[in-house]
C-alpha atoms as a PDB file:
ATOM      1  CA  GLN A   1      -0.448 -13.828  11.990  1.00  0.00           C
ATOM      2  CA  VAL A   2      -0.899 -11.010  14.462  1.00  0.00           C
ATOM      3  CA  GLN A   3       1.905  -8.472  14.560  1.00  0.00           C
ATOM      4  CA  LEU A   4       2.357  -5.330  16.606  1.00  0.00           C
ATOM      5  CA  VAL A   5       5.371  -3.234  15.648  1.00  0.00           C
ATOM      6  CA  GLU A   6       6.229  -0.165  17.680  1.00  0.00           C
ATOM      7  CA  SER A   7       8.632   2.516  16.484  1.00  0.00           C
ATOM      8  CA  GLY A   8       9.662   6.098  17.035  1.00  0.00           C
ATOM      9  CA  GLY A   9      11.473   5.880  20.341  1.00  0.00           C
ATOM     10  CA  GLY A  10      14.858   7.349  21.045  1.00  0.00           C
ATOM     11  CA  LEU A  11      17.131   9.241  23.398  1.00  0.00           C
ATOM     12  CA  VAL A  12      15.927  12.788  23.953  1.00  0.00           C
ATOM     13  CA  GLN A  13      16.365  15.606  26.431  1.00  0.00           C
ATOM     14  CA  ALA A  14      13.749  16.579  28.960  1.00  0.00           C
ATOM     15  CA  GLY A  15      11.200  18.994  27.580  1.00  0.00           C
ATOM     16  CA  THR A  16      11.324  17.706  24.040  1.00  0.00           C
ATOM     17  CA  SER A  17       8.853  15.586  22.061  1.00  0.00           C
ATOM     18  CA  LEU A  18       8.587  12.211  20.405  1.00  0.00           C
ATOM     19  CA  ARG A  19       5.911  10.562  18.318  1.00  0.00           C
ATOM     20  CA  LEU A  20       5.518   6.833  18.632  1.00  0.00           C
ATOM     21  CA  SER A  21       3.847   4.689  16.008  1.00  0.00           C
ATOM     22  CA  CYS A  22       2.349   1.222  16.192  1.00  0.00           C
ATOM     23  CA  ALA A  23       1.723  -0.710  13.023  1.00  0.00           C
ATOM     24  CA  THR A  24      -0.639  -3.640  13.320  1.00  0.00           C
ATOM     25  CA  SER A  25      -1.369  -6.526  10.994  1.00  0.00           C
ATOM     26  CA  GLY A  26      -3.391  -9.700  11.070  1.00  0.00           C
ATOM     27  CA  ILE A  27      -6.037  -7.974  13.193  1.00  0.00           C
ATOM     28  CA  ILE A  28      -9.481  -6.555  12.631  1.00  0.00           C
ATOM     29  CA  PHE A  29      -8.368  -3.134  13.833  1.00  0.00           C
ATOM     30  CA  HIS A  30     -11.240  -0.725  13.558  1.00  0.00           C
ATOM     31  CA  ASP A  31     -13.606  -2.101  16.174  1.00  0.00           C
ATOM     32  CA  LYS A  32     -11.131  -2.408  19.020  1.00  0.00           C
ATOM     33  CA  VAL A  33      -9.905  -0.198  21.813  1.00  0.00           C
ATOM     34  CA  TRP A  34      -6.180   0.423  21.430  1.00  0.00           C
ATOM     35  CA  ALA A  35      -3.735   1.443  24.077  1.00  0.00           C
ATOM     36  CA  TRP A  36      -0.176   2.417  24.798  1.00  0.00           C
ATOM     37  CA  TYR A  37       1.558   0.833  27.751  1.00  0.00           C
ATOM     38  CA  ARG A  38       5.025   1.352  29.173  1.00  0.00           C
ATOM     39  CA  GLN A  39       7.415  -0.519  31.386  1.00  0.00           C
ATOM     40  CA  ALA A  40      10.182   1.262  33.213  1.00  0.00           C
ATOM     41  CA  PRO A  41      13.217  -0.611  34.534  1.00  0.00           C
ATOM     42  CA  GLY A  42      12.307  -2.625  37.609  1.00  0.00           C
ATOM     43  CA  LYS A  43       8.638  -1.721  37.391  1.00  0.00           C
ATOM     44  CA  GLN A  44       5.474  -3.375  36.164  1.00  0.00           C
ATOM     45  CA  ARG A  45       3.961  -2.539  32.834  1.00  0.00           C
ATOM     46  CA  GLU A  46       1.452   0.281  33.148  1.00  0.00           C
ATOM     47  CA  LEU A  47      -1.326   1.636  30.992  1.00  0.00           C
ATOM     48  CA  VAL A  48      -0.499   5.068  29.610  1.00  0.00           C
ATOM     49  CA  ALA A  49      -3.409   5.911  27.336  1.00  0.00           C
ATOM     50  CA  HIS A  50      -6.184   4.286  25.366  1.00  0.00           C
ATOM     51  CA  ILE A  51      -8.512   5.208  22.557  1.00  0.00           C
ATOM     52  CA  SER A  52     -11.865   3.662  21.738  1.00  0.00           C
ATOM     53  CA  ASN A  53     -13.260   2.872  18.334  1.00  0.00           C
ATOM     54  CA  PHE A  54     -15.270   6.078  18.737  1.00  0.00           C
ATOM     55  CA  ASP A  55     -12.043   8.060  19.356  1.00  0.00           C
ATOM     56  CA  THR A  56     -12.757   8.530  23.048  1.00  0.00           C
ATOM     57  CA  THR A  57      -9.447   8.875  24.843  1.00  0.00           C
ATOM     58  CA  ASN A  58      -8.226   8.338  28.381  1.00  0.00           C
ATOM     59  CA  TYR A  59      -4.862   8.999  29.973  1.00  0.00           C
ATOM     60  CA  ALA A  60      -2.952   8.101  33.067  1.00  0.00           C
ATOM     61  CA  ASP A  61      -2.706  11.072  35.404  1.00  0.00           C
ATOM     62  CA  SER A  62       1.053  11.109  34.976  1.00  0.00           C
ATOM     63  CA  VAL A  63       0.821  11.920  31.256  1.00  0.00           C
ATOM     64  CA  LYS A  64      -2.435  13.855  31.059  1.00  0.00           C
ATOM     65  CA  GLY A  65      -1.966  17.124  29.212  1.00  0.00           C
ATOM     66  CA  ARG A  66       1.375  16.029  27.737  1.00  0.00           C
ATOM     67  CA  PHE A  67       0.590  12.899  25.696  1.00  0.00           C
ATOM     68  CA  THR A  68      -1.975  12.459  22.941  1.00  0.00           C
ATOM     69  CA  ILE A  69      -3.105   9.111  21.591  1.00  0.00           C
ATOM     70  CA  SER A  70      -4.622   8.822  18.126  1.00  0.00           C
ATOM     71  CA  ARG A  71      -5.511   6.146  15.621  1.00  0.00           C
ATOM     72  CA  ASP A  72      -5.787   5.745  11.868  1.00  0.00           C
ATOM     73  CA  ASN A  73      -8.216   2.970  10.990  1.00  0.00           C
ATOM     74  CA  ALA A  74      -7.267   3.156   7.311  1.00  0.00           C
ATOM     75  CA  LYS A  75      -3.656   2.356   8.190  1.00  0.00           C
ATOM     76  CA  ASN A  76      -4.392   0.019  11.116  1.00  0.00           C
ATOM     77  CA  ALA A  77      -2.096   2.169  13.215  1.00  0.00           C
ATOM     78  CA  VAL A  78      -1.992   3.827  16.602  1.00  0.00           C
ATOM     79  CA  TYR A  79       0.122   6.802  17.573  1.00  0.00           C
ATOM     80  CA  LEU A  80       1.321   8.472  20.743  1.00  0.00           C
ATOM     81  CA  GLN A  81       2.453  12.078  20.608  1.00  0.00           C
ATOM     82  CA  MET A  82       4.567  12.761  23.671  1.00  0.00           C
ATOM     83  CA  ASN A  83       5.364  16.358  24.562  1.00  0.00           C
ATOM     84  CA  SER A  84       7.225  17.923  27.477  1.00  0.00           C
ATOM     85  CA  LEU A  85       8.976  14.655  28.146  1.00  0.00           C
ATOM     86  CA  LYS A  86      10.399  14.026  31.599  1.00  0.00           C
ATOM     87  CA  PRO A  87      13.058  11.593  32.824  1.00  0.00           C
ATOM     88  CA  VAL A  88      10.292   9.611  34.565  1.00  0.00           C
ATOM     89  CA  ASP A  89       8.844   8.858  31.123  1.00  0.00           C
ATOM     90  CA  THR A  90      11.866   6.682  30.397  1.00  0.00           C
ATOM     91  CA  ALA A  91      10.551   3.206  29.578  1.00  0.00           C
ATOM     92  CA  ILE A  92       9.866   0.724  26.840  1.00  0.00           C
ATOM     93  CA  TYR A  93       6.589   1.638  25.194  1.00  0.00           C
ATOM     94  CA  TYR A  94       4.217  -0.961  23.796  1.00  0.00           C
ATOM     95  CA  CYS A  95       0.900  -0.865  22.010  1.00  0.00           C
ATOM     96  CA  ASN A  96      -1.821  -3.438  22.366  1.00  0.00           C
ATOM     97  CA  SER A  97      -5.565  -3.740  22.439  1.00  0.00           C
ATOM     98  CA  LEU A  98      -7.689  -3.397  25.542  1.00  0.00           C
ATOM     99  CA  PRO A  99      -8.949  -5.285  27.481  1.00  0.00           C
ATOM    100  CA  ASP A 100      -7.937  -8.417  25.583  1.00  0.00           C
ATOM    101  CA  VAL A 101      -4.303  -8.210  24.576  1.00  0.00           C
ATOM    102  CA  TYR A 102      -2.471  -9.839  21.728  1.00  0.00           C
ATOM    103  CA  VAL A 103       1.072 -11.173  21.824  1.00  0.00           C
ATOM    104  CA  TRP A 104       3.263  -8.256  22.824  1.00  0.00           C
ATOM    105  CA  GLY A 105       5.574  -6.665  20.320  1.00  0.00           C
ATOM    106  CA  GLN A 106       9.165  -5.741  21.081  1.00  0.00           C
ATOM    107  CA  GLY A 107       8.266  -2.219  22.065  1.00  0.00           C
ATOM    108  CA  THR A 108      10.232   0.942  21.453  1.00  0.00           C
ATOM    109  CA  GLN A 109      12.675   2.382  23.954  1.00  0.00           C
ATOM    110  CA  VAL A 110      12.197   5.951  25.114  1.00  0.00           C
ATOM    111  CA  THR A 111      14.979   7.452  27.182  1.00  0.00           C
ATOM    112  CA  VAL A 112      14.660  10.988  28.505  1.00  0.00           C
ATOM    113  CA  SER A 113      17.756  12.627  29.912  1.00  0.00           C
ATOM    114  CA  SER A 114      17.656  15.496  32.386  1.00  0.00           C
END
């Protein structure tokens, strides 16, 4: 059974950092592209960052230079280090593969206060 479990969110002040984690199971992890997505209230889910199986990374312009995506193939996990957080980063954050997605997990809420 495929499971994606996100964690690490919270309520923080602008300018601070958070590190999100995504634990996966039931998946052949190492050969896939993995991504972080987010969905803000009233908005569509958007792609934030992705990392290939060769550790090539790409970021949305809105987070470039502030967020860092990484993966640990031994732990079947994906991470998102978020620095210099802004109120506009407030959203539920999800991990999933790319381009084919699995059933979405519950996500982890990130709320950034000004």
